[in-house]
Amino acid sequence: MAHEQSYDFIVVGGGPAGCTLAASLASSAKKPSVLLLEAGGRNENKSLRVDGKRWKTFMEENMNWGSQTTPQEHCNGRQLDYSHGKGLGGGSSINFGVYTVGTRDDYDLWAAEVDDETFAWDTMQARFKRLETFTGTIDVPENQKYVQSELTDHGNKGGLHVGYAKEWDSDLAMVLDAFEEAGVQRNLDHNSGNPLGFGLCINSACKGLRSTAVDLLTEVSDNLVIVSDSPVQRIILDKNKAVGVEANGRACGFYRRVDSASKEVILCAGALESPKILMHSGIGPAEELSKFNISLIHDLPAVGQGLRDHFFAPLIVMRNPKTNDRNSFYQDEVAMEAAMNQWEIDGTGPWARHGCQLGIGWFKSDRLTSCEEFKALPESVQDFMNRETIPHYEIISHFPVHFIFPQLFQDYSYICLPVFLMNEQSVGEVRLQSSDPDEPLSYNPKFLEHPFDRRACIEIYRHLWDLTKHPSFAKDTVSTIMAPASQSDEDILQFWKNNISSSWHMTGTVKMGREGASDAAVDSRFRVFGVENLRVADMSVVPVLTNNHTQATAYMTGATCADVLIREYRLDE
């Protein structure tokens, strides 16, 4: 069965970037026809939105591509989980709900690298505000001291609801206070443009309900057509001009779907899928395409290169059970079932409390900037990492790791503290491994390949360890569950190699840059070099690995591309 339809714009991928872009285009004054194609399903089951269970949705097979990295040479040959979202909402439906926008210096560097103020902080912050409805109130009076947000830093009319949980685990405030006593600067609002310091995490959730990119689609009129279960395999090209896409869908069985775009095709399939669609359409490194007998349309060596990603390792300690009440909930199946019934009524109760509010902080490290590996970095990289708002690492408190490794825990009084490296220097790639467009690419982030990253992991873990040994925190620690065998460089690095995980912040595989740059594939207007009417607008184009959890950056990439297209096509006139 064949199907063919024409639209003004075709957006490929229903994650944060794609939903933001499609909704913005369709809502413009001229109401262009927009087709949003999503490879996965609609993910409409409300139980997938329980705030306290947001740590488990990535285990839903129909919501996750289920990818793994290649064996990582510098991680003892381990293949690592490389989850990315499948279905409407994309990564926002399976991530851990951390909503952090990054630093103002990230976006100013982006603007400088592509020579376009469209990406500068002041402009990007205005888009962040337009996107969100921020709930920054704290109901418990004694906890008000942990938050102080300026209204000028947040929006109150957007479709994405973000903010703080109404209720927290009972020992979270104790950890915030203990870290402050240990000398850690407090941060009362990480989304102000300067994330340095420790404080409360802003969540992509509100009133016990996870927020996803689908929320941006709810008020769009019927000029936006959404088709799920339609993975795009190739872009249809007329010489070097994109005129449509070819996708497989499910309706009365399998059928071939061909859709055409009178104005633009925009790929928003993410840093692991957009380069695959490009390469199978004949756009990418000529040598790579020739290995799989893919006809070359345009030689673009940067496609598939430049992969960057944040990674982390945990420190887990058992705490005095008297400091929290998690055992009374997680050890009681009846209590959890009753809590689910309460959540279904009004979104309140223990499933809107336990695991719903994290502590989070970003830090600089004098140890790191004084080491030889840092001094060996290019001067431009050193200068960037020394900028006022740029952190070197991140620490999270109260990560509920028992959801991921339930077999390891019968006592839930523990605290898990992951530490994340920022601005890592290892750069990986994604490559073809088949001529079949339904086969995934090979994903190789090359974690720990760069000597700076290896030294940085040692130094930042030492700081985390020091925090947990400070008397203000250590007085309630019963034992250590997971940490390196000793404080030696060798044992700390070996611990990272054995326990490193991806943050699923894949970035840079279709990098944005100036025309003629050997490492760039699109220009600052998201246009693919050498191909007309084809753009890419997702994390694959972002030239800076922003210092945050990158779902917010993905939303902003889609919003920025929408602004560019609306301006070019005069859609708001």
Protein backbone atom coordinates (compact mmCIF):
# COMPACT_ATOMS: atom_id res chain seq x y z
CA MET A 1 0.00 0.00 0.00
CA ALA A 2 1.41 3.41 -0.93
CA HIS A 3 0.62 6.78 0.54
CA GLU A 4 1.77 10.22 -0.61
CA GLN A 5 0.98 13.64 0.80
CA SER A 6 2.53 17.09 0.54
CA TYR A 7 3.21 19.48 3.46
CA ASP A 8 4.99 22.79 3.86
CA PHE A 9 7.37 21.37 6.46
CA ILE A 10 8.28 17.83 7.47
CA VAL A 11 9.82 17.41 10.91
CA VAL A 12 11.47 14.04 11.56
CA GLY A 13 11.57 13.03 15.23
CA GLY A 14 9.16 13.69 18.10
CA GLY A 15 11.60 14.39 20.92
CA PRO A 16 12.18 17.74 22.67
CA ALA A 17 13.67 19.42 19.59
CA GLY A 18 11.15 18.03 17.10
CA CYS A 19 8.04 18.69 19.21
CA THR A 20 9.17 22.23 19.99
CA LEU A 21 9.94 22.95 16.34
CA ALA A 22 6.77 21.40 14.92
CA ALA A 23 4.50 23.10 17.47
CA SER A 24 6.16 26.49 16.94
CA LEU A 25 5.90 26.32 13.16
CA ALA A 26 2.29 25.15 13.22
CA SER A 27 1.31 27.88 15.70
CA SER A 28 2.75 30.72 13.62
CA ALA A 29 0.34 33.24 12.09
CA LYS A 30 0.34 31.76 8.59
CA LYS A 31 -0.52 28.28 9.91
CA PRO A 32 1.69 26.29 7.51
CA SER A 33 0.98 22.58 7.13
CA VAL A 34 3.45 20.61 9.23
CA LEU A 35 3.99 16.85 9.37
CA LEU A 36 5.69 15.46 12.47
CA LEU A 37 6.95 11.91 11.93
CA GLU A 38 7.94 9.82 14.94
CA ALA A 39 9.59 6.42 14.69
CA GLY A 40 8.03 5.07 17.89
CA GLY A 41 4.58 5.03 19.45
CA ARG A 42 2.54 7.66 21.24
CA ASN A 43 3.43 6.71 24.84
CA GLU A 44 -0.04 7.75 26.02
CA ASN A 45 -0.29 5.65 29.20
CA LYS A 46 -0.50 8.15 32.07
CA SER A 47 1.19 5.72 34.47
CA LEU A 48 4.40 6.36 32.53
CA ARG A 49 4.31 9.89 33.91
CA VAL A 50 4.48 9.08 37.66
CA ASP A 51 7.11 11.48 39.01
CA GLY A 52 8.52 9.07 41.58
CA LYS A 53 8.84 6.33 38.93
CA ARG A 54 10.58 8.43 36.28
CA TRP A 55 13.74 6.41 36.92
CA LYS A 56 12.18 3.29 35.36
CA THR A 57 10.64 4.37 32.06
CA PHE A 58 13.87 3.84 30.14
CA MET A 59 13.37 0.13 30.84
CA GLU A 60 10.19 0.13 28.74
CA GLU A 61 11.37 -1.65 25.58
CA ASN A 62 8.96 0.17 23.29
CA MET A 63 10.23 3.56 24.56
CA ASN A 64 13.97 2.96 24.19
CA TRP A 65 16.08 2.05 21.19
CA GLY A 66 18.06 -0.20 23.56
CA SER A 67 21.46 0.72 22.14
CA GLN A 68 24.92 -0.02 23.47
CA THR A 69 28.31 1.48 22.76
CA THR A 70 31.12 -0.41 21.13
CA PRO A 71 33.49 -2.04 23.64
CA GLN A 72 35.25 0.91 25.28
CA GLU A 73 39.00 0.55 25.09
CA HIS A 74 39.69 2.71 28.14
CA CYS A 75 36.85 1.24 30.24
CA ASN A 76 38.18 -2.32 30.40
CA GLY A 77 36.39 -3.25 27.17
CA ARG A 78 32.92 -2.70 28.61
CA GLN A 79 29.93 -2.04 26.37
CA LEU A 80 27.85 0.67 27.98
CA ASP A 81 24.13 1.36 27.92
CA TYR A 82 23.44 4.05 25.32
CA SER A 83 19.72 4.64 25.79
CA HIS A 84 17.88 7.12 23.61
CA GLY A 85 14.17 7.75 23.55
CA LYS A 86 11.75 6.15 21.14
CA GLY A 87 8.20 7.41 20.74
CA LEU A 88 6.58 10.81 21.14
CA GLY A 89 8.44 12.76 23.78
CA GLY A 90 11.73 11.11 22.82
CA GLY A 91 14.37 11.41 25.51
CA SER A 92 12.08 13.54 27.69
CA SER A 93 9.91 10.43 28.21
CA ILE A 94 12.74 8.21 29.50
CA ASN A 95 15.29 10.56 31.07
CA PHE A 96 15.61 11.23 34.80
CA GLY A 97 13.75 14.54 34.79
CA VAL A 98 16.64 16.90 35.54
CA TYR A 99 15.84 20.26 33.93
CA THR A 100 18.94 22.43 33.86
CA VAL A 101 19.63 25.00 31.16
CA GLY A 102 23.42 25.27 31.39
CA THR A 103 25.58 28.34 31.74
CA ARG A 104 25.51 31.69 30.04
CA ASP A 105 29.10 31.14 28.91
CA ASP A 106 28.06 27.93 27.09
CA TYR A 107 25.72 29.86 24.84
CA ASP A 108 28.03 32.80 24.35
CA LEU A 109 30.69 30.34 23.16
CA TRP A 110 28.16 28.74 20.80
CA ALA A 111 27.40 32.16 19.34
CA ALA A 112 31.10 32.93 18.94
CA GLU A 113 31.91 29.58 17.33
CA VAL A 114 29.28 30.00 14.61
CA ASP A 115 29.52 33.81 14.46
CA ASP A 116 25.81 34.31 15.11
CA GLU A 117 24.26 36.11 18.09
CA THR A 118 21.11 34.00 17.62
CA PHE A 119 22.72 31.58 20.08
CA ALA A 120 24.01 34.06 22.67
CA TRP A 121 22.79 33.70 26.26
CA ASP A 122 20.48 36.73 26.36
CA THR A 123 18.62 35.50 23.28
CA MET A 124 18.55 31.88 24.36
CA GLN A 125 17.35 32.73 27.86
CA ALA A 126 14.37 34.58 26.36
CA ARG A 127 13.48 31.35 24.52
CA PHE A 128 13.85 29.27 27.67
CA LYS A 129 11.43 31.60 29.43
CA ARG A 130 8.96 31.40 26.56
CA LEU A 131 9.01 27.60 26.71
CA GLU A 132 8.37 27.02 30.42
CA THR A 133 5.90 27.47 33.20
CA PHE A 134 8.09 27.50 36.30
CA THR A 135 6.76 26.58 39.73
CA GLY A 136 9.39 27.88 42.15
CA THR A 137 7.37 27.92 45.35
CA ILE A 138 8.25 25.75 48.35
CA ASP A 139 5.28 24.78 50.52
CA VAL A 140 7.23 23.89 53.68
CA PRO A 141 8.29 27.18 55.36
CA GLU A 142 11.55 25.86 56.84
CA ASN A 143 12.68 24.75 53.37
CA GLN A 144 12.14 28.14 51.75
CA LYS A 145 15.78 29.06 52.50
CA TYR A 146 16.98 26.63 49.82
CA VAL A 147 15.35 28.53 46.94
CA GLN A 148 15.37 32.08 45.69
CA SER A 149 14.52 32.59 42.03
CA GLU A 150 14.34 35.87 40.14
CA LEU A 151 11.18 36.20 38.08
CA THR A 152 13.29 37.63 35.27
CA ASP A 153 15.05 34.26 34.92
CA HIS A 154 11.90 32.17 34.37
CA GLY A 155 8.75 31.94 32.30
CA ASN A 156 5.15 31.41 33.43
CA LYS A 157 3.17 30.83 30.23
CA GLY A 158 4.95 28.00 28.40
CA GLY A 159 3.73 24.48 27.80
CA LEU A 160 6.58 22.79 29.68
CA HIS A 161 5.91 22.66 33.43
CA VAL A 162 9.10 22.59 35.51
CA GLY A 163 9.98 23.30 39.12
CA TYR A 164 10.51 21.74 42.53
CA ALA A 165 8.68 18.79 44.03
CA LYS A 166 6.12 19.70 46.70
CA GLU A 167 7.48 17.04 49.07
CA TRP A 168 11.00 15.59 49.47
CA ASP A 169 12.79 12.69 51.05
CA SER A 170 13.18 13.62 54.71
CA ASP A 171 17.01 13.62 54.67
CA LEU A 172 17.54 15.84 51.62
CA ALA A 173 17.61 19.06 53.65
CA MET A 174 20.13 17.41 55.99
CA VAL A 175 22.48 16.79 53.05
CA LEU A 176 22.07 20.33 51.74
CA ASP A 177 23.00 21.66 55.18
CA ALA A 178 25.85 19.18 55.65
CA PHE A 179 27.48 20.12 52.36
CA GLU A 180 27.20 23.79 53.22
CA GLU A 181 28.89 23.11 56.57
CA ALA A 182 31.61 21.30 54.61
CA GLY A 183 32.32 24.55 52.76
CA VAL A 184 30.25 24.09 49.61
CA GLN A 185 28.71 27.25 48.17
CA ARG A 186 24.92 27.15 47.99
CA ASN A 187 23.09 27.90 44.74
CA LEU A 188 19.48 29.03 45.08
CA ASP A 189 18.64 28.77 41.35
CA HIS A 190 20.69 26.70 38.91
CA ASN A 191 18.80 28.04 35.91
CA SER A 192 19.89 31.65 36.33
CA GLY A 193 22.77 31.22 33.88
CA ASN A 194 25.30 30.46 36.62
CA PRO A 195 24.93 26.91 38.02
CA LEU A 196 27.94 26.96 40.36
CA GLY A 197 27.18 25.77 43.88
CA PHE A 198 24.91 23.14 45.44
CA GLY A 199 21.15 23.34 45.83
CA LEU A 200 17.81 21.96 44.68
CA CYS A 201 17.42 20.44 41.24
CA ILE A 202 14.73 21.91 39.00
CA ASN A 203 12.69 19.01 37.63
CA SER A 204 10.81 18.52 34.38
CA ALA A 205 7.79 17.61 36.48
CA CYS A 206 4.94 19.37 38.23
CA LYS A 207 2.37 18.23 40.82
CA GLY A 208 3.63 14.65 40.73
CA LEU A 209 3.49 14.40 36.92
CA ARG A 210 6.47 14.11 34.59
CA SER A 211 6.54 16.76 31.85
CA THR A 212 7.53 15.66 28.36
CA ALA A 213 7.85 17.25 24.93
CA VAL A 214 4.37 15.94 24.09
CA ASP A 215 2.97 18.67 26.37
CA LEU A 216 3.97 21.23 23.75
CA LEU A 217 1.66 19.63 21.17
CA THR A 218 -1.61 19.77 23.07
CA GLU A 219 -2.92 23.15 21.90
CA VAL A 220 -1.82 23.04 18.25
CA SER A 221 -4.50 23.16 15.56
CA ASP A 222 -5.07 20.58 12.84
CA ASN A 223 -2.48 22.08 10.47
CA LEU A 224 -0.04 19.92 12.46
CA VAL A 225 -0.32 16.25 11.49
CA ILE A 226 1.39 13.78 13.83
CA VAL A 227 2.16 10.30 12.56
CA SER A 228 3.75 7.83 14.98
CA ASP A 229 5.30 4.41 14.30
CA SER A 230 6.91 5.84 11.17
CA PRO A 231 10.70 5.58 11.26
CA VAL A 232 12.24 7.66 8.49
CA GLN A 233 14.82 5.75 6.51
CA ARG A 234 15.88 8.22 3.84
CA ILE A 235 15.45 11.75 2.65
CA ILE A 236 14.08 11.93 -0.88
CA LEU A 237 16.33 14.13 -3.00
CA ASP A 238 15.91 15.73 -6.40
CA LYS A 239 19.58 16.12 -7.30
CA ASN A 240 20.84 18.09 -4.28
CA LYS A 241 17.45 19.32 -3.07
CA ALA A 242 15.40 17.65 -0.32
CA VAL A 243 11.83 17.20 -1.48
CA GLY A 244 10.46 14.67 1.03
CA VAL A 245 11.10 11.60 3.14
CA GLU A 246 10.53 7.89 2.93
CA ALA A 247 9.29 6.17 6.07
CA ASN A 248 7.79 2.91 7.26
CA GLY A 249 4.60 3.05 9.29
CA ARG A 250 1.94 0.80 10.70
CA ALA A 251 -1.57 1.11 9.35
CA CYS A 252 -3.30 -1.91 7.87
CA GLY A 253 0.04 -3.69 8.10
CA PHE A 254 3.36 -2.38 6.84
CA TYR A 255 3.37 0.06 4.03
CA ARG A 256 5.74 2.40 2.27
CA ARG A 257 5.11 6.02 3.09
CA VAL A 258 6.44 8.85 0.92
CA ASP A 259 5.80 12.42 2.04
CA SER A 260 6.92 15.57 0.25
CA ALA A 261 7.77 19.00 1.61
CA SER A 262 7.19 22.15 -0.41
CA LYS A 263 9.47 24.20 1.84
CA GLU A 264 11.79 22.21 4.13
CA VAL A 265 12.65 18.84 5.62
CA ILE A 266 14.08 19.18 9.14
CA LEU A 267 15.75 16.26 10.92
CA CYS A 268 15.21 16.25 14.68
CA ALA A 269 15.92 12.57 15.28
CA GLY A 270 18.80 13.12 17.70
CA ALA A 271 22.57 12.76 17.72
CA LEU A 272 22.43 9.01 17.05
CA GLU A 273 19.66 8.87 14.45
CA SER A 274 20.00 12.06 12.37
CA PRO A 275 23.49 11.15 11.08
CA LYS A 276 22.16 7.70 10.15
CA ILE A 277 19.34 9.15 8.05
CA LEU A 278 21.78 11.54 6.37
CA MET A 279 24.28 8.81 5.51
CA HIS A 280 21.65 6.45 4.14
CA SER A 281 20.46 9.35 1.98
CA GLY A 282 23.92 9.73 0.46
CA ILE A 283 25.02 12.68 2.61
CA GLY A 284 28.14 12.04 4.66
CA PRO A 285 31.76 10.89 4.43
CA ALA A 286 32.32 9.59 0.88
CA GLU A 287 34.73 6.89 1.99
CA GLU A 288 32.32 5.61 4.63
CA LEU A 289 29.35 5.52 2.24
CA SER A 290 31.30 3.73 -0.48
CA LYS A 291 32.05 0.83 1.91
CA PHE A 292 28.32 0.06 1.94
CA ASN A 293 27.58 0.89 -1.70
CA ILE A 294 25.47 3.93 -0.80
CA SER A 295 25.28 6.38 -3.71
CA LEU A 296 26.98 9.64 -2.81
CA ILE A 297 24.91 12.82 -3.10
CA HIS A 298 27.21 15.11 -1.14
CA ASP A 299 30.53 14.38 0.53
CA LEU A 300 30.25 15.74 4.08
CA PRO A 301 33.05 14.28 6.25
CA ALA A 302 31.78 15.81 9.53
CA VAL A 303 28.61 13.68 9.58
CA GLY A 304 29.03 11.06 12.30
CA GLN A 305 32.11 12.66 13.79
CA GLY A 306 32.42 14.90 16.85
CA LEU A 307 30.42 12.73 19.31
CA ARG A 308 30.64 14.10 22.83
CA ASP A 309 28.79 13.00 25.95
CA HIS A 310 28.88 13.45 29.72
CA PHE A 311 29.65 10.41 31.85
CA PHE A 312 29.51 9.69 35.57
CA ALA A 313 30.39 7.27 38.37
CA PRO A 314 28.65 6.80 41.74
CA LEU A 315 29.59 6.87 45.41
CA ILE A 316 26.99 5.04 47.54
CA VAL A 317 26.85 5.08 51.33
CA MET A 318 24.46 3.43 53.78
CA ARG A 319 22.91 5.91 56.21
CA ASN A 320 21.38 5.66 59.64
CA PRO A 321 17.80 4.44 58.99
CA LYS A 322 16.54 6.99 61.52
CA THR A 323 17.49 9.82 59.14
CA ASN A 324 14.83 8.91 56.56
CA ASP A 325 11.67 6.86 56.07
CA ARG A 326 12.37 5.19 52.73
CA ASN A 327 12.28 1.67 54.15
CA SER A 328 8.72 2.11 55.37
CA PHE A 329 7.72 2.80 51.77
CA TYR A 330 9.95 0.76 49.45
CA GLN A 331 9.86 -2.34 51.68
CA ASP A 332 6.06 -2.35 51.79
CA GLU A 333 4.25 -3.50 48.63
CA VAL A 334 0.89 -2.56 50.12
CA ALA A 335 2.07 0.98 50.87
CA MET A 336 3.38 1.39 47.32
CA GLU A 337 0.13 0.15 45.82
CA ALA A 338 -1.92 2.47 48.03
CA ALA A 339 0.37 5.34 47.02
CA MET A 340 -0.26 4.56 43.36
CA ASN A 341 -4.00 4.68 43.95
CA GLN A 342 -3.59 8.08 45.61
CA TRP A 343 -1.42 9.35 42.76
CA GLU A 344 -4.06 8.32 40.19
CA ILE A 345 -6.66 10.38 42.06
CA ASP A 346 -4.81 13.70 42.40
CA GLY A 347 -1.07 13.26 41.72
CA THR A 348 -0.12 13.48 45.40
CA GLY A 349 1.27 11.09 48.00
CA PRO A 350 4.49 9.09 48.38
CA TRP A 351 4.93 8.59 44.61
CA ALA A 352 5.08 12.39 44.34
CA ARG A 353 7.63 12.54 47.15
CA HIS A 354 10.18 9.71 47.24
CA GLY A 355 12.82 10.15 44.56
CA CYS A 356 11.15 13.30 43.23
CA GLN A 357 13.58 15.94 44.47
CA LEU A 358 17.34 15.79 44.05
CA GLY A 359 20.15 17.89 45.38
CA ILE A 360 22.45 19.06 42.59
CA GLY A 361 25.54 21.18 42.17
CA TRP A 362 28.27 22.23 39.76
CA PHE A 363 31.80 23.04 40.84
CA LYS A 364 35.20 24.27 39.75
CA SER A 365 38.38 22.45 40.81
CA ASP A 366 41.68 24.15 41.57
CA ARG A 367 43.23 20.71 41.68
CA LEU A 368 42.17 20.21 38.10
CA THR A 369 43.31 23.53 36.67
CA SER A 370 46.73 23.14 38.28
CA CYS A 371 47.42 19.66 36.88
CA GLU A 372 49.75 19.05 33.93
CA GLU A 373 46.99 17.49 31.84
CA PHE A 374 44.99 20.73 32.05
CA LYS A 375 47.99 22.86 31.16
CA ALA A 376 48.53 20.69 28.07
CA LEU A 377 45.07 21.55 26.69
CA PRO A 378 44.76 24.15 23.92
CA GLU A 379 44.80 27.67 25.31
CA SER A 380 41.26 28.32 24.03
CA VAL A 381 39.95 25.31 26.00
CA GLN A 382 41.76 26.43 29.14
CA ASP A 383 40.34 29.94 28.76
CA PHE A 384 36.82 28.59 28.36
CA MET A 385 37.07 26.35 31.41
CA ASN A 386 38.32 29.31 33.43
CA ARG A 387 35.32 31.47 32.52
CA GLU A 388 33.17 32.66 35.41
CA THR A 389 30.19 30.31 35.05
CA ILE A 390 31.88 27.20 33.61
CA PRO A 391 32.00 24.20 35.98
CA HIS A 392 34.41 21.29 35.84
CA TYR A 393 32.11 18.69 37.39
CA GLU A 394 28.66 18.03 38.82
CA ILE A 395 27.44 16.16 41.90
CA ILE A 396 23.91 14.86 42.47
CA SER A 397 22.45 13.67 45.77
CA HIS A 398 19.61 11.20 46.33
CA PHE A 399 19.79 9.40 43.01
CA PRO A 400 17.43 6.39 43.60
CA VAL A 401 19.70 3.79 42.03
CA HIS A 402 17.67 0.87 43.46
CA PHE A 403 15.21 1.33 40.59
CA ILE A 404 18.00 0.42 38.18
CA PHE A 405 19.70 -2.27 40.28
CA PRO A 406 16.93 -3.60 42.55
CA GLN A 407 18.89 -6.74 43.36
CA LEU A 408 21.54 -4.70 45.21
CA PHE A 409 19.23 -3.19 47.82
CA GLN A 410 16.97 -4.47 50.54
CA ASP A 411 17.71 -1.51 52.81
CA TYR A 412 16.74 1.81 51.20
CA SER A 413 18.38 4.10 53.75
CA TYR A 414 21.32 4.60 51.39
CA ILE A 415 22.30 7.79 49.55
CA CYS A 416 23.74 7.56 46.04
CA LEU A 417 25.95 10.46 44.95
CA PRO A 418 26.91 10.35 41.26
CA VAL A 419 29.72 12.65 40.09
CA PHE A 420 29.72 13.80 36.44
CA LEU A 421 32.66 15.13 34.47
CA MET A 422 31.94 18.34 32.56
CA ASN A 423 33.89 19.54 29.51
CA GLU A 424 35.44 16.15 28.86
CA GLN A 425 37.94 16.21 26.02
CA SER A 426 37.44 12.71 24.58
CA VAL A 427 35.67 12.86 21.21
CA GLY A 428 33.98 9.84 19.63
CA GLU A 429 32.08 8.96 16.47
CA VAL A 430 29.11 7.10 15.07
CA ARG A 431 29.63 5.00 11.96
CA LEU A 432 27.70 2.88 9.50
CA GLN A 433 27.82 -0.86 9.99
CA SER A 434 25.28 -1.87 7.35
CA SER A 435 23.67 -0.71 4.12
CA ASP A 436 20.31 -1.47 5.73
CA PRO A 437 18.81 1.81 7.04
CA ASP A 438 16.93 -0.12 9.73
CA GLU A 439 20.21 -1.25 11.29
CA PRO A 440 21.65 1.04 14.00
CA LEU A 441 24.96 2.78 13.64
CA SER A 442 28.03 1.80 15.62
CA TYR A 443 28.35 4.14 18.63
CA ASN A 444 31.82 4.83 20.00
CA PRO A 445 32.06 7.75 22.46
CA LYS A 446 35.70 6.82 23.30
CA PHE A 447 35.19 7.47 27.00
CA LEU A 448 38.39 8.18 28.98
CA GLU A 449 40.52 8.20 25.83
CA HIS A 450 41.89 11.68 26.57
CA PRO A 451 44.49 11.94 29.37
CA PHE A 452 42.80 15.05 30.76
CA ASP A 453 39.60 13.10 31.33
CA ARG A 454 41.41 10.37 33.22
CA ARG A 455 43.15 12.88 35.51
CA ALA A 456 39.92 14.85 35.96
CA CYS A 457 37.99 11.77 37.07
CA ILE A 458 40.53 11.12 39.79
CA GLU A 459 40.48 14.69 41.12
CA ILE A 460 36.70 15.23 41.08
CA TYR A 461 36.04 11.90 42.80
CA ARG A 462 38.46 12.90 45.56
CA HIS A 463 36.43 16.04 46.22
CA LEU A 464 33.20 14.05 46.44
CA TRP A 465 34.89 11.65 48.84
CA ASP A 466 36.08 14.56 50.98
CA LEU A 467 32.53 15.89 51.22
CA THR A 468 31.18 12.55 52.47
CA LYS A 469 33.96 12.33 55.08
CA HIS A 470 33.24 15.75 56.55
CA PRO A 471 31.84 15.31 60.09
CA SER A 472 28.59 17.06 59.21
CA PHE A 473 27.80 14.31 56.69
CA ALA A 474 29.79 11.37 58.04
CA LYS A 475 28.03 11.35 61.44
CA ASP A 476 25.04 9.62 59.84
CA THR A 477 26.96 7.26 57.53
CA VAL A 478 26.88 3.61 58.60
CA SER A 479 29.03 2.10 55.86
CA THR A 480 30.25 2.50 52.29
CA ILE A 481 28.42 0.40 49.72
CA MET A 482 30.21 1.44 46.54
CA ALA A 483 33.47 3.36 46.14
CA PRO A 484 37.05 2.76 44.96
CA ALA A 485 39.20 0.27 46.87
CA SER A 486 41.46 3.07 48.10
CA GLN A 487 42.22 6.75 47.53
CA SER A 488 45.15 6.03 45.24
CA ASP A 489 45.10 7.38 41.70
CA GLU A 490 45.20 3.85 40.34
CA ASP A 491 42.23 2.58 42.36
CA ILE A 492 40.08 5.62 41.65
CA LEU A 493 40.73 5.39 37.91
CA GLN A 494 40.08 1.66 37.93
CA PHE A 495 36.78 2.32 39.68
CA TRP A 496 35.77 4.71 36.91
CA LYS A 497 36.71 2.18 34.26
CA ASN A 498 34.57 -0.48 35.93
CA ASN A 499 31.57 1.73 36.78
CA ILE A 500 31.38 4.58 34.30
CA SER A 501 27.98 5.24 32.72
CA SER A 502 26.81 7.52 29.94
CA SER A 503 24.50 10.38 30.85
CA TRP A 504 22.76 9.95 27.46
CA HIS A 505 23.79 13.51 26.56
CA MET A 506 25.00 12.61 23.05
CA THR A 507 25.98 15.75 21.15
CA GLY A 508 27.77 17.04 18.07
CA THR A 509 27.54 14.36 15.35
CA VAL A 510 26.23 16.78 12.68
CA LYS A 511 28.03 19.77 14.08
CA MET A 512 27.09 23.38 13.40
CA GLY A 513 29.89 25.64 12.27
CA ARG A 514 31.12 28.23 9.85
CA GLU A 515 31.02 27.43 6.16
CA GLY A 516 34.21 25.70 5.09
CA ALA A 517 35.05 24.38 8.57
CA SER A 518 36.21 20.77 8.22
CA ASP A 519 34.39 19.67 11.40
CA ALA A 520 31.04 21.25 10.49
CA ALA A 521 28.02 19.84 8.64
CA VAL A 522 25.39 22.59 9.04
CA ASP A 523 25.48 26.38 9.17
CA SER A 524 24.09 28.67 11.85
CA ARG A 525 20.67 28.56 10.16
CA PHE A 526 20.65 24.75 10.57
CA ARG A 527 21.06 24.20 6.81
CA VAL A 528 22.99 21.10 5.74
CA PHE A 529 25.97 22.16 3.65
CA GLY A 530 25.60 21.29 -0.02
CA VAL A 531 21.91 20.29 0.13
CA GLU A 532 18.94 22.60 -0.40
CA ASN A 533 15.79 22.62 1.75
CA LEU A 534 17.32 20.27 4.35
CA ARG A 535 18.07 21.25 7.92
CA VAL A 536 19.03 19.46 11.12
CA ALA A 537 17.87 20.81 14.49
CA ASP A 538 18.65 18.56 17.45
CA MET A 539 21.58 17.78 19.76
CA SER A 540 23.59 16.50 16.81
CA VAL A 541 24.21 20.08 15.61
CA VAL A 542 25.10 21.65 18.96
CA PRO A 543 28.80 22.63 18.80
CA VAL A 544 29.26 22.94 22.58
CA LEU A 545 28.68 20.14 25.10
CA THR A 546 26.64 22.36 27.36
CA ASN A 547 27.19 22.12 31.12
CA ASN A 548 23.80 20.70 32.05
CA HIS A 549 21.48 17.77 31.48
CA THR A 550 20.93 18.36 27.82
CA GLN A 551 17.18 17.88 27.40
CA ALA A 552 16.84 21.63 27.99
CA THR A 553 19.40 22.31 25.25
CA ALA A 554 17.47 20.05 22.89
CA TYR A 555 14.24 21.97 23.53
CA MET A 556 16.12 25.20 22.88
CA THR A 557 17.65 23.92 19.65
CA GLY A 558 14.18 23.18 18.28
CA ALA A 559 12.88 26.55 19.45
CA THR A 560 15.79 28.39 17.85
CA CYS A 561 15.39 26.62 14.51
CA ALA A 562 11.69 27.50 14.61
CA ASP A 563 12.53 31.17 15.10
CA VAL A 564 14.94 31.01 12.16
CA LEU A 565 12.37 29.40 9.84
CA ILE A 566 9.53 31.68 10.95
CA ARG A 567 11.71 34.68 10.20
CA GLU A 568 12.93 33.37 6.83
CA TYR A 569 9.49 32.37 5.58
CA ARG A 570 7.74 35.35 7.22
CA LEU A 571 5.33 32.99 8.93
CA ASP A 572 4.34 35.51 11.59
CA GLU A 573 3.33 38.24 9.14
